[in-house]
PDB file of N, CA and C in Angstrom:
ATOM      1  N   UNK A   1      17.440  40.090 -17.109  1.00  0.00           N
ATOM      2  CA  UNK A   1      17.114  39.358 -15.905  1.00  0.00           C
ATOM      3  C   UNK A   1      16.722  37.925 -16.265  1.00  0.00           C
ATOM      4  N   UNK A   2      17.206  36.934 -15.503  1.00  0.00           N
ATOM      5  CA  UNK A   2      16.916  35.531 -15.829  1.00  0.00           C
ATOM      6  C   UNK A   2      15.543  35.146 -15.308  1.00  0.00           C
ATOM      7  N   UNK A   3      14.976  34.162 -16.000  1.00  0.00           N
ATOM      8  CA  UNK A   3      13.646  33.681 -15.610  1.00  0.00           C
ATOM      9  C   UNK A   3      13.775  32.673 -14.485  1.00  0.00           C
ATOM     10  N   UNK A   4      12.986  32.780 -13.471  1.00  0.00           N
ATOM     11  CA  UNK A   4      12.959  31.811 -12.383  1.00  0.00           C
ATOM     12  C   UNK A   4      11.687  30.994 -12.494  1.00  0.00           C
ATOM     13  N   UNK A   5      11.793  29.705 -12.241  1.00  0.00           N
ATOM     14  CA  UNK A   5      10.616  28.839 -12.257  1.00  0.00           C
ATOM     15  C   UNK A   5       9.979  28.847 -10.888  1.00  0.00           C
ATOM     16  N   UNK A   6       8.689  28.985 -10.872  1.00  0.00           N
ATOM     17  CA  UNK A   6       7.953  28.895  -9.611  1.00  0.00           C
ATOM     18  C   UNK A   6       8.089  27.469  -9.091  1.00  0.00           C
ATOM     19  N   UNK A   7       7.916  27.250  -7.799  1.00  0.00           N
ATOM     20  CA  UNK A   7       8.109  25.906  -7.243  1.00  0.00           C
ATOM     21  C   UNK A   7       7.278  24.823  -7.930  1.00  0.00           C
ATOM     22  N   UNK A   8       6.086  25.135  -8.433  1.00  0.00           N
ATOM     23  CA  UNK A   8       5.236  24.113  -9.036  1.00  0.00           C
ATOM     24  C   UNK A   8       5.099  24.291 -10.533  1.00  0.00           C
ATOM     25  N   UNK A   9       5.928  25.087 -11.141  1.00  0.00           N
ATOM     26  CA  UNK A   9       5.848  25.301 -12.585  1.00  0.00           C
ATOM     27  C   UNK A   9       6.406  24.084 -13.301  1.00  0.00           C
ATOM     28  N   UNK A  10       5.881  23.822 -14.463  1.00  0.00           N
ATOM     29  CA  UNK A  10       6.347  22.687 -15.250  1.00  0.00           C
ATOM     30  C   UNK A  10       7.750  22.964 -15.747  1.00  0.00           C
ATOM     31  N   UNK A  11       8.587  21.981 -15.666  1.00  0.00           N
ATOM     32  CA  UNK A  11       9.949  22.101 -16.164  1.00  0.00           C
ATOM     33  C   UNK A  11       9.922  22.049 -17.676  1.00  0.00           C
ATOM     34  N   UNK A  12      10.896  22.631 -18.327  1.00  0.00           N
ATOM     35  CA  UNK A  12      10.924  22.582 -19.784  1.00  0.00           C
ATOM     36  C   UNK A  12      10.994  21.128 -20.264  1.00  0.00           C
ATOM     37  N   UNK A  13      10.301  20.839 -21.353  1.00  0.00           N
ATOM     38  CA  UNK A  13      10.263  19.477 -21.884  1.00  0.00           C
ATOM     39  C   UNK A  13      11.639  19.076 -22.386  1.00  0.00           C
ATOM     40  N   UNK A  14      12.018  17.848 -22.073  1.00  0.00           N
ATOM     41  CA  UNK A  14      13.299  17.330 -22.543  1.00  0.00           C
ATOM     42  C   UNK A  14      13.045  16.454 -23.753  1.00  0.00           C
ATOM     43  N   UNK A  15      13.991  16.412 -24.634  1.00  0.00           N
ATOM     44  CA  UNK A  15      13.858  15.529 -25.786  1.00  0.00           C
ATOM     45  C   UNK A  15      14.452  14.181 -25.436  1.00  0.00           C
ATOM     46  N   UNK A  16      13.884  13.159 -25.991  1.00  0.00           N
ATOM     47  CA  UNK A  16      14.371  11.806 -25.732  1.00  0.00           C
ATOM     48  C   UNK A  16      15.726  11.621 -26.398  1.00  0.00           C
ATOM     49  N   UNK A  17      16.636  10.947 -25.723  1.00  0.00           N
ATOM     50  CA  UNK A  17      17.946  10.726 -26.328  1.00  0.00           C
ATOM     51  C   UNK A  17      17.831   9.776 -27.519  1.00  0.00           C
ATOM     52  N   UNK A  18      18.723   9.952 -28.451  1.00  0.00           N
ATOM     53  CA  UNK A  18      18.734   9.047 -29.597  1.00  0.00           C
ATOM     54  C   UNK A  18      19.376   7.739 -29.164  1.00  0.00           C
ATOM     55  N   UNK A  19      18.764   6.641 -29.570  1.00  0.00           N
ATOM     56  CA  UNK A  19      19.275   5.328 -29.213  1.00  0.00           C
ATOM     57  C   UNK A  19      19.573   4.575 -30.494  1.00  0.00           C
ATOM     58  N   UNK A  20      20.776   4.068 -30.564  1.00  0.00           N
ATOM     59  CA  UNK A  20      21.144   3.275 -31.731  1.00  0.00           C
ATOM     60  C   UNK A  20      20.808   1.823 -31.471  1.00  0.00           C
ATOM     61  N   UNK A  21      20.281   1.175 -32.486  1.00  0.00           N
ATOM     62  CA  UNK A  21      20.010  -0.254 -32.369  1.00  0.00           C
ATOM     63  C   UNK A  21      21.336  -0.991 -32.366  1.00  0.00           C
ATOM     64  N   UNK A  22      21.444  -1.941 -31.459  1.00  0.00           N
ATOM     65  CA  UNK A  22      22.671  -2.710 -31.366  1.00  0.00           C
ATOM     66  C   UNK A  22      22.627  -3.831 -32.392  1.00  0.00           C
ATOM     67  N   UNK A  23      23.654  -3.904 -33.175  1.00  0.00           N
ATOM     68  CA  UNK A  23      23.725  -4.959 -34.178  1.00  0.00           C
ATOM     69  C   UNK A  23      24.637  -6.050 -33.648  1.00  0.00           C
ATOM     70  N   UNK A  24      24.090  -7.201 -33.467  1.00  0.00           N
ATOM     71  CA  UNK A  24      24.871  -8.308 -32.946  1.00  0.00           C
ATOM     72  C   UNK A  24      24.213  -9.608 -33.329  1.00  0.00           C
ATOM     73  N   UNK A  25      24.737 -10.642 -32.783  1.00  0.00           N
ATOM     74  CA  UNK A  25      24.185 -11.958 -33.073  1.00  0.00           C
ATOM     75  C   UNK A  25      22.914 -12.172 -32.264  1.00  0.00           C
ATOM     76  N   UNK A  26      21.947 -12.797 -32.877  1.00  0.00           N
ATOM     77  CA  UNK A  26      20.742 -13.156 -32.147  1.00  0.00           C
ATOM     78  C   UNK A  26      21.084 -14.301 -31.204  1.00  0.00           C
ATOM     79  N   UNK A  27      20.587 -14.199 -30.005  1.00  0.00           N
ATOM     80  CA  UNK A  27      20.839 -15.235 -29.016  1.00  0.00           C
ATOM     81  C   UNK A  27      19.589 -16.087 -28.904  1.00  0.00           C
ATOM     82  N   UNK A  28      19.733 -17.357 -29.164  1.00  0.00           N
ATOM     83  CA  UNK A  28      18.600 -18.276 -29.061  1.00  0.00           C
ATOM     84  C   UNK A  28      18.447 -18.689 -27.599  1.00  0.00           C
ATOM     85  N   UNK A  29      17.261 -18.539 -27.090  1.00  0.00           N
ATOM     86  CA  UNK A  29      16.987 -18.962 -25.722  1.00  0.00           C
ATOM     87  C   UNK A  29      16.554 -20.415 -25.724  1.00  0.00           C
ATOM     88  N   UNK A  30      17.014 -21.129 -24.731  1.00  0.00           N
ATOM     89  CA  UNK A  30      16.623 -22.534 -24.603  1.00  0.00           C
ATOM     90  C   UNK A  30      15.143 -22.596 -24.247  1.00  0.00           C
ATOM     91  N   UNK A  31      14.448 -23.594 -24.755  1.00  0.00           N
ATOM     92  CA  UNK A  31      13.036 -23.730 -24.395  1.00  0.00           C
ATOM     93  C   UNK A  31      12.898 -23.972 -22.893  1.00  0.00           C
ATOM     94  N   UNK A  32      11.773 -23.570 -22.340  1.00  0.00           N
ATOM     95  CA  UNK A  32      11.586 -23.784 -20.900  1.00  0.00           C
ATOM     96  C   UNK A  32      11.439 -25.271 -20.573  1.00  0.00           C
ATOM     97  N   UNK A  33      11.553 -25.577 -19.325  1.00  0.00           N
ATOM     98  CA  UNK A  33      11.372 -26.931 -18.837  1.00  0.00           C
ATOM     99  C   UNK A  33       9.935 -27.070 -18.347  1.00  0.00           C
ATOM    100  N   UNK A  34       9.464 -28.298 -18.282  1.00  0.00           N
ATOM    101  CA  UNK A  34       8.115 -28.566 -17.794  1.00  0.00           C
ATOM    102  C   UNK A  34       8.136 -29.721 -16.802  1.00  0.00           C
ATOM    103  N   UNK A  35       7.228 -29.644 -15.867  1.00  0.00           N
ATOM    104  CA  UNK A  35       6.995 -30.738 -14.920  1.00  0.00           C
ATOM    105  C   UNK A  35       5.619 -31.292 -15.236  1.00  0.00           C
ATOM    106  N   UNK A  36       5.572 -32.585 -15.527  1.00  0.00           N
ATOM    107  CA  UNK A  36       4.323 -33.261 -15.879  1.00  0.00           C
ATOM    108  C   UNK A  36       3.959 -34.230 -14.761  1.00  0.00           C
ATOM    109  N   UNK A  37       2.742 -34.115 -14.279  1.00  0.00           N
ATOM    110  CA  UNK A  37       2.215 -35.048 -13.286  1.00  0.00           C
ATOM    111  C   UNK A  37       1.372 -36.071 -14.020  1.00  0.00           C
ATOM    112  N   UNK A  38       1.671 -37.353 -13.782  1.00  0.00           N
ATOM    113  CA  UNK A  38       0.955 -38.451 -14.441  1.00  0.00           C
ATOM    114  C   UNK A  38      -0.043 -39.076 -13.477  1.00  0.00           C
ATOM    115  N   UNK A  39      -1.042 -39.711 -14.045  1.00  0.00           N
ATOM    116  CA  UNK A  39      -2.071 -40.346 -13.232  1.00  0.00           C
ATOM    117  C   UNK A  39      -1.539 -41.604 -12.548  1.00  0.00           C
ATOM    118  N   UNK A  40      -2.092 -41.867 -11.404  1.00  0.00           N
ATOM    119  CA  UNK A  40      -1.829 -43.126 -10.703  1.00  0.00           C
ATOM    120  C   UNK A  40      -3.047 -43.417  -9.831  1.00  0.00           C
ATOM    121  N   UNK A  41      -3.247 -44.652  -9.540  1.00  0.00           N
ATOM    122  CA  UNK A  41      -4.405 -45.029  -8.726  1.00  0.00           C
ATOM    123  C   UNK A  41      -4.021 -45.268  -7.269  1.00  0.00           C
ATOM    124  N   UNK A  42      -2.837 -44.800  -6.896  1.00  0.00           N
ATOM    125  CA  UNK A  42      -2.352 -45.101  -5.549  1.00  0.00           C
ATOM    126  C   UNK A  42      -2.497 -43.935  -4.568  1.00  0.00           C
ATOM    127  N   UNK A  43      -3.066 -42.802  -5.024  1.00  0.00           N
ATOM    128  CA  UNK A  43      -3.238 -41.648  -4.142  1.00  0.00           C
ATOM    129  C   UNK A  43      -4.664 -41.120  -4.249  1.00  0.00           C
ATOM    130  N   UNK A  44      -5.147 -40.561  -3.158  1.00  0.00           N
ATOM    131  CA  UNK A  44      -6.474 -39.937  -3.190  1.00  0.00           C
ATOM    132  C   UNK A  44      -6.363 -38.563  -3.846  1.00  0.00           C
ATOM    133  N   UNK A  45      -7.497 -38.039  -4.272  1.00  0.00           N
ATOM    134  CA  UNK A  45      -7.513 -36.684  -4.812  1.00  0.00           C
ATOM    135  C   UNK A  45      -6.990 -35.699  -3.767  1.00  0.00           C
ATOM    136  N   UNK A  46      -7.380 -35.914  -2.518  1.00  0.00           N
ATOM    137  CA  UNK A  46      -6.952 -35.018  -1.446  1.00  0.00           C
ATOM    138  C   UNK A  46      -5.430 -35.010  -1.301  1.00  0.00           C
ATOM    139  N   UNK A  47      -4.799 -36.190  -1.422  1.00  0.00           N
ATOM    140  CA  UNK A  47      -3.337 -36.275  -1.345  1.00  0.00           C
ATOM    141  C   UNK A  47      -2.691 -35.478  -2.474  1.00  0.00           C
ATOM    142  N   UNK A  48      -3.218 -35.642  -3.675  1.00  0.00           N
ATOM    143  CA  UNK A  48      -2.664 -34.968  -4.847  1.00  0.00           C
ATOM    144  C   UNK A  48      -2.845 -33.451  -4.718  1.00  0.00           C
ATOM    145  N   UNK A  49      -4.033 -33.023  -4.310  1.00  0.00           N
ATOM    146  CA  UNK A  49      -4.317 -31.597  -4.149  1.00  0.00           C
ATOM    147  C   UNK A  49      -3.367 -30.985  -3.121  1.00  0.00           C
ATOM    148  N   UNK A  50      -3.222 -31.643  -1.984  1.00  0.00           N
ATOM    149  CA  UNK A  50      -2.341 -31.142  -0.925  1.00  0.00           C
ATOM    150  C   UNK A  50      -0.908 -31.003  -1.432  1.00  0.00           C
ATOM    151  N   UNK A  51      -0.436 -31.988  -2.187  1.00  0.00           N
ATOM    152  CA  UNK A  51       0.939 -31.972  -2.676  1.00  0.00           C
ATOM    153  C   UNK A  51       1.126 -30.915  -3.765  1.00  0.00           C
ATOM    154  N   UNK A  52       0.129 -30.722  -4.610  1.00  0.00           N
ATOM    155  CA  UNK A  52       0.215 -29.674  -5.633  1.00  0.00           C
ATOM    156  C   UNK A  52       0.310 -28.292  -4.993  1.00  0.00           C
ATOM    157  N   UNK A  53      -0.485 -28.053  -3.967  1.00  0.00           N
ATOM    158  CA  UNK A  53      -0.437 -26.769  -3.263  1.00  0.00           C
ATOM    159  C   UNK A  53       0.958 -26.557  -2.683  1.00  0.00           C
ATOM    160  N   UNK A  54       1.507 -27.591  -2.100  1.00  0.00           N
ATOM    161  CA  UNK A  54       2.844 -27.521  -1.513  1.00  0.00           C
ATOM    162  C   UNK A  54       3.912 -27.292  -2.588  1.00  0.00           C
ATOM    163  N   UNK A  55       3.779 -27.973  -3.726  1.00  0.00           N
ATOM    164  CA  UNK A  55       4.816 -27.935  -4.760  1.00  0.00           C
ATOM    165  C   UNK A  55       4.802 -26.665  -5.598  1.00  0.00           C
ATOM    166  N   UNK A  56       3.611 -26.226  -6.003  1.00  0.00           N
ATOM    167  CA  UNK A  56       3.561 -25.086  -6.930  1.00  0.00           C
ATOM    168  C   UNK A  56       2.935 -23.839  -6.329  1.00  0.00           C
ATOM    169  N   UNK A  57       2.476 -23.931  -5.100  1.00  0.00           N
ATOM    170  CA  UNK A  57       1.940 -22.754  -4.424  1.00  0.00           C
ATOM    171  C   UNK A  57       0.655 -22.225  -5.036  1.00  0.00           C
ATOM    172  N   UNK A  58      -0.140 -23.121  -5.592  1.00  0.00           N
ATOM    173  CA  UNK A  58      -1.399 -22.696  -6.212  1.00  0.00           C
ATOM    174  C   UNK A  58      -2.525 -22.713  -5.184  1.00  0.00           C
ATOM    175  N   UNK A  59      -3.673 -22.192  -5.597  1.00  0.00           N
ATOM    176  CA  UNK A  59      -4.856 -22.220  -4.732  1.00  0.00           C
ATOM    177  C   UNK A  59      -5.413 -23.646  -4.678  1.00  0.00           C
ATOM    178  N   UNK A  60      -6.254 -23.882  -3.710  1.00  0.00           N
ATOM    179  CA  UNK A  60      -6.876 -25.199  -3.612  1.00  0.00           C
ATOM    180  C   UNK A  60      -7.760 -25.469  -4.832  1.00  0.00           C
ATOM    181  N   UNK A  61      -8.469 -24.448  -5.306  1.00  0.00           N
ATOM    182  CA  UNK A  61      -9.308 -24.626  -6.499  1.00  0.00           C
ATOM    183  C   UNK A  61      -8.469 -25.026  -7.703  1.00  0.00           C
ATOM    184  N   UNK A  62      -7.334 -24.361  -7.895  1.00  0.00           N
ATOM    185  CA  UNK A  62      -6.455 -24.686  -9.034  1.00  0.00           C
ATOM    186  C   UNK A  62      -5.887 -26.096  -8.881  1.00  0.00           C
ATOM    187  N   UNK A  63      -5.533 -26.477  -7.679  1.00  0.00           N
ATOM    188  CA  UNK A  63      -4.999 -27.818  -7.436  1.00  0.00           C
ATOM    189  C   UNK A  63      -6.046 -28.885  -7.783  1.00  0.00           C
ATOM    190  N   UNK A  64      -7.313 -28.620  -7.437  1.00  0.00           N
ATOM    191  CA  UNK A  64      -8.384 -29.560  -7.802  1.00  0.00           C
ATOM    192  C   UNK A  64      -8.541 -29.650  -9.318  1.00  0.00           C
ATOM    193  N   UNK A  65      -8.453 -28.512 -10.009  1.00  0.00           N
ATOM    194  CA  UNK A  65      -8.540 -28.522 -11.481  1.00  0.00           C
ATOM    195  C   UNK A  65      -7.440 -29.386 -12.083  1.00  0.00           C
ATOM    196  N   UNK A  66      -6.210 -29.209 -11.588  1.00  0.00           N
ATOM    197  CA  UNK A  66      -5.086 -29.995 -12.102  1.00  0.00           C
ATOM    198  C   UNK A  66      -5.253 -31.477 -11.788  1.00  0.00           C
ATOM    199  N   UNK A  67      -5.711 -31.789 -10.583  1.00  0.00           N
ATOM    200  CA  UNK A  67      -5.918 -33.185 -10.196  1.00  0.00           C
ATOM    201  C   UNK A  67      -6.962 -33.851 -11.095  1.00  0.00           C
ATOM    202  N   UNK A  68      -8.038 -33.135 -11.403  1.00  0.00           N
ATOM    203  CA  UNK A  68      -9.059 -33.684 -12.294  1.00  0.00           C
ATOM    204  C   UNK A  68      -8.537 -33.842 -13.715  1.00  0.00           C
ATOM    205  N   UNK A  69      -7.700 -32.894 -14.156  1.00  0.00           N
ATOM    206  CA  UNK A  69      -7.103 -33.020 -15.493  1.00  0.00           C
ATOM    207  C   UNK A  69      -6.224 -34.269 -15.577  1.00  0.00           C
ATOM    208  N   UNK A  70      -5.427 -34.492 -14.542  1.00  0.00           N
ATOM    209  CA  UNK A  70      -4.581 -35.690 -14.497  1.00  0.00           C
ATOM    210  C   UNK A  70      -5.457 -36.941 -14.521  1.00  0.00           C
ATOM    211  N   UNK A  71      -6.497 -36.941 -13.722  1.00  0.00           N
ATOM    212  CA  UNK A  71      -7.391 -38.097 -13.641  1.00  0.00           C
ATOM    213  C   UNK A  71      -8.078 -38.381 -14.976  1.00  0.00           C
ATOM    214  N   UNK A  72      -8.524 -37.321 -15.660  1.00  0.00           N
ATOM    215  CA  UNK A  72      -9.300 -37.496 -16.894  1.00  0.00           C
ATOM    216  C   UNK A  72      -8.458 -37.676 -18.153  1.00  0.00           C
ATOM    217  N   UNK A  73      -7.268 -37.100 -18.185  1.00  0.00           N
ATOM    218  CA  UNK A  73      -6.451 -37.183 -19.408  1.00  0.00           C
ATOM    219  C   UNK A  73      -5.190 -38.013 -19.243  1.00  0.00           C
ATOM    220  N   UNK A  74      -4.870 -38.369 -18.024  1.00  0.00           N
ATOM    221  CA  UNK A  74      -3.685 -39.188 -17.784  1.00  0.00           C
ATOM    222  C   UNK A  74      -2.453 -38.397 -17.378  1.00  0.00           C
ATOM    223  N   UNK A  75      -2.475 -37.095 -17.624  1.00  0.00           N
ATOM    224  CA  UNK A  75      -1.329 -36.274 -17.230  1.00  0.00           C
ATOM    225  C   UNK A  75      -1.701 -34.800 -17.310  1.00  0.00           C
ATOM    226  N   UNK A  76      -0.837 -33.955 -16.697  1.00  0.00           N
ATOM    227  CA  UNK A  76      -1.036 -32.507 -16.747  1.00  0.00           C
ATOM    228  C   UNK A  76       0.307 -31.822 -16.542  1.00  0.00           C
ATOM    229  N   UNK A  77       0.547 -30.781 -17.322  1.00  0.00           N
ATOM    230  CA  UNK A  77       1.732 -29.951 -17.096  1.00  0.00           C
ATOM    231  C   UNK A  77       1.408 -29.053 -15.906  1.00  0.00           C
ATOM    232  N   UNK A  78       2.153 -29.226 -14.828  1.00  0.00           N
ATOM    233  CA  UNK A  78       1.854 -28.473 -13.613  1.00  0.00           C
ATOM    234  C   UNK A  78       2.847 -27.344 -13.357  1.00  0.00           C
ATOM    235  N   UNK A  79       3.957 -27.326 -14.106  1.00  0.00           N
ATOM    236  CA  UNK A  79       4.948 -26.258 -13.948  1.00  0.00           C
ATOM    237  C   UNK A  79       5.695 -26.067 -15.261  1.00  0.00           C
ATOM    238  N   UNK A  80       5.876 -24.802 -15.654  1.00  0.00           N
ATOM    239  CA  UNK A  80       6.705 -24.433 -16.801  1.00  0.00           C
ATOM    240  C   UNK A  80       7.677 -23.395 -16.292  1.00  0.00           C
ATOM    241  N   UNK A  81       8.966 -23.602 -16.537  1.00  0.00           N
ATOM    242  CA  UNK A  81       9.941 -22.634 -16.049  1.00  0.00           C
ATOM    243  C   UNK A  81      11.354 -23.121 -16.201  1.00  0.00           C
ATOM    244  N   UNK A  82      12.262 -22.515 -15.442  1.00  0.00           N
ATOM    245  CA  UNK A  82      13.657 -22.935 -15.489  1.00  0.00           C
ATOM    246  C   UNK A  82      13.812 -24.367 -14.963  1.00  0.00           C
ATOM    247  N   UNK A  83      14.855 -25.023 -15.407  1.00  0.00           N
ATOM    248  CA  UNK A  83      15.095 -26.419 -15.023  1.00  0.00           C
ATOM    249  C   UNK A  83      15.088 -26.603 -13.507  1.00  0.00           C
ATOM    250  N   UNK A  84      15.779 -25.746 -12.785  1.00  0.00           N
ATOM    251  CA  UNK A  84      15.871 -25.916 -11.327  1.00  0.00           C
ATOM    252  C   UNK A  84      14.512 -25.848 -10.651  1.00  0.00           C
ATOM    253  N   UNK A  85      13.637 -24.948 -11.112  1.00  0.00           N
ATOM    254  CA  UNK A  85      12.295 -24.836 -10.528  1.00  0.00           C
ATOM    255  C   UNK A  85      11.467 -26.071 -10.847  1.00  0.00           C
ATOM    256  N   UNK A  86      11.541 -26.534 -12.083  1.00  0.00           N
ATOM    257  CA  UNK A  86      10.758 -27.716 -12.478  1.00  0.00           C
ATOM    258  C   UNK A  86      11.223 -28.964 -11.739  1.00  0.00           C
ATOM    259  N   UNK A  87      12.528 -29.094 -11.547  1.00  0.00           N
ATOM    260  CA  UNK A  87      13.058 -30.234 -10.793  1.00  0.00           C
ATOM    261  C   UNK A  87      12.614 -30.147  -9.337  1.00  0.00           C
ATOM    262  N   UNK A  88      12.650 -28.944  -8.763  1.00  0.00           N
ATOM    263  CA  UNK A  88      12.208 -28.762  -7.376  1.00  0.00           C
ATOM    264  C   UNK A  88      10.753 -29.196  -7.211  1.00  0.00           C
ATOM    265  N   UNK A  89       9.892 -28.749  -8.135  1.00  0.00           N
ATOM    266  CA  UNK A  89       8.475 -29.115  -8.092  1.00  0.00           C
ATOM    267  C   UNK A  89       8.317 -30.627  -8.252  1.00  0.00           C
ATOM    268  N   UNK A  90       9.040 -31.195  -9.202  1.00  0.00           N
ATOM    269  CA  UNK A  90       8.979 -32.642  -9.419  1.00  0.00           C
ATOM    270  C   UNK A  90       9.387 -33.425  -8.188  1.00  0.00           C
ATOM    271  N   UNK A  91      10.419 -32.969  -7.500  1.00  0.00           N
ATOM    272  CA  UNK A  91      10.877 -33.664  -6.291  1.00  0.00           C
ATOM    273  C   UNK A  91       9.842 -33.605  -5.181  1.00  0.00           C
ATOM    274  N   UNK A  92       9.181 -32.476  -5.042  1.00  0.00           N
ATOM    275  CA  UNK A  92       8.139 -32.364  -4.006  1.00  0.00           C
ATOM    276  C   UNK A  92       6.980 -33.309  -4.319  1.00  0.00           C
ATOM    277  N   UNK A  93       6.558 -33.326  -5.577  1.00  0.00           N
ATOM    278  CA  UNK A  93       5.451 -34.219  -5.960  1.00  0.00           C
ATOM    279  C   UNK A  93       5.851 -35.683  -5.800  1.00  0.00           C
ATOM    280  N   UNK A  94       7.061 -36.023  -6.221  1.00  0.00           N
ATOM    281  CA  UNK A  94       7.521 -37.415  -6.159  1.00  0.00           C
ATOM    282  C   UNK A  94       7.784 -37.875  -4.732  1.00  0.00           C
ATOM    283  N   UNK A  95       7.953 -36.944  -3.804  1.00  0.00           N
ATOM    284  CA  UNK A  95       8.277 -37.324  -2.426  1.00  0.00           C
ATOM    285  C   UNK A  95       7.193 -38.171  -1.770  1.00  0.00           C
ATOM    286  N   UNK A  96       5.963 -38.124  -2.287  1.00  0.00           N
ATOM    287  CA  UNK A  96       4.906 -38.997  -1.744  1.00  0.00           C
ATOM    288  C   UNK A  96       4.583 -40.133  -2.718  1.00  0.00           C
ATOM    289  N   UNK A  97       5.414 -40.291  -3.738  1.00  0.00           N
ATOM    290  CA  UNK A  97       5.233 -41.394  -4.678  1.00  0.00           C
ATOM    291  C   UNK A  97       4.422 -41.064  -5.914  1.00  0.00           C
ATOM    292  N   UNK A  98       4.144 -39.783  -6.158  1.00  0.00           N
ATOM    293  CA  UNK A  98       3.442 -39.422  -7.395  1.00  0.00           C
ATOM    294  C   UNK A  98       4.381 -39.624  -8.582  1.00  0.00           C
ATOM    295  N   UNK A  99       3.804 -39.940  -9.721  1.00  0.00           N
ATOM    296  CA  UNK A  99       4.592 -40.179 -10.931  1.00  0.00           C
ATOM    297  C   UNK A  99       4.762 -38.861 -11.676  1.00  0.00           C
ATOM    298  N   UNK A 100       6.031 -38.467 -11.876  1.00  0.00           N
ATOM    299  CA  UNK A 100       6.356 -37.157 -12.416  1.00  0.00           C
ATOM    300  C   UNK A 100       7.426 -37.299 -13.498  1.00  0.00           C
ATOM    301  N   UNK A 101       7.334 -36.457 -14.521  1.00  0.00           N
ATOM    302  CA  UNK A 101       8.371 -36.326 -15.535  1.00  0.00           C
ATOM    303  C   UNK A 101       8.792 -34.867 -15.596  1.00  0.00           C
ATOM    304  N   UNK A 102      10.102 -34.628 -15.597  1.00  0.00           N
ATOM    305  CA  UNK A 102      10.637 -33.277 -15.798  1.00  0.00           C
ATOM    306  C   UNK A 102      11.458 -33.323 -17.079  1.00  0.00           C
ATOM    307  N   UNK A 103      11.098 -32.468 -18.032  1.00  0.00           N
ATOM    308  CA  UNK A 103      11.772 -32.487 -19.326  1.00  0.00           C
ATOM    309  C   UNK A 103      11.778 -31.102 -19.946  1.00  0.00           C
ATOM    310  N   UNK A 104      12.662 -30.929 -20.908  1.00  0.00           N
ATOM    311  CA  UNK A 104      12.688 -29.660 -21.640  1.00  0.00           C
ATOM    312  C   UNK A 104      11.572 -29.703 -22.672  1.00  0.00           C
ATOM    313  N   UNK A 105      10.837 -28.603 -22.783  1.00  0.00           N
ATOM    314  CA  UNK A 105       9.697 -28.600 -23.702  1.00  0.00           C
ATOM    315  C   UNK A 105      10.123 -28.348 -25.125  1.00  0.00           C
TER     316      UNK A 105
END
């Protein structure tokens, strides 16, 4: 007579399949891009904070931290990511005249 499993009985343990490591060429990934916000004396802190929130979707507290970093050090990396995202962020910041650099890191 065959064994029947009860509805809540544990199923027999399965063994993990064997996986062969793939041997191929290593693919070098391009370094990420960065958006750098530079200091300027032509905008208020409030303007910069508002634009940072709009550009990178950060909290108001984080935007204030970045604005103070720019003010105190002259610049701040505000976005690291794919080129298209960094350019998008740079364009939003630059749309009010902020000084921005987008470059590969």
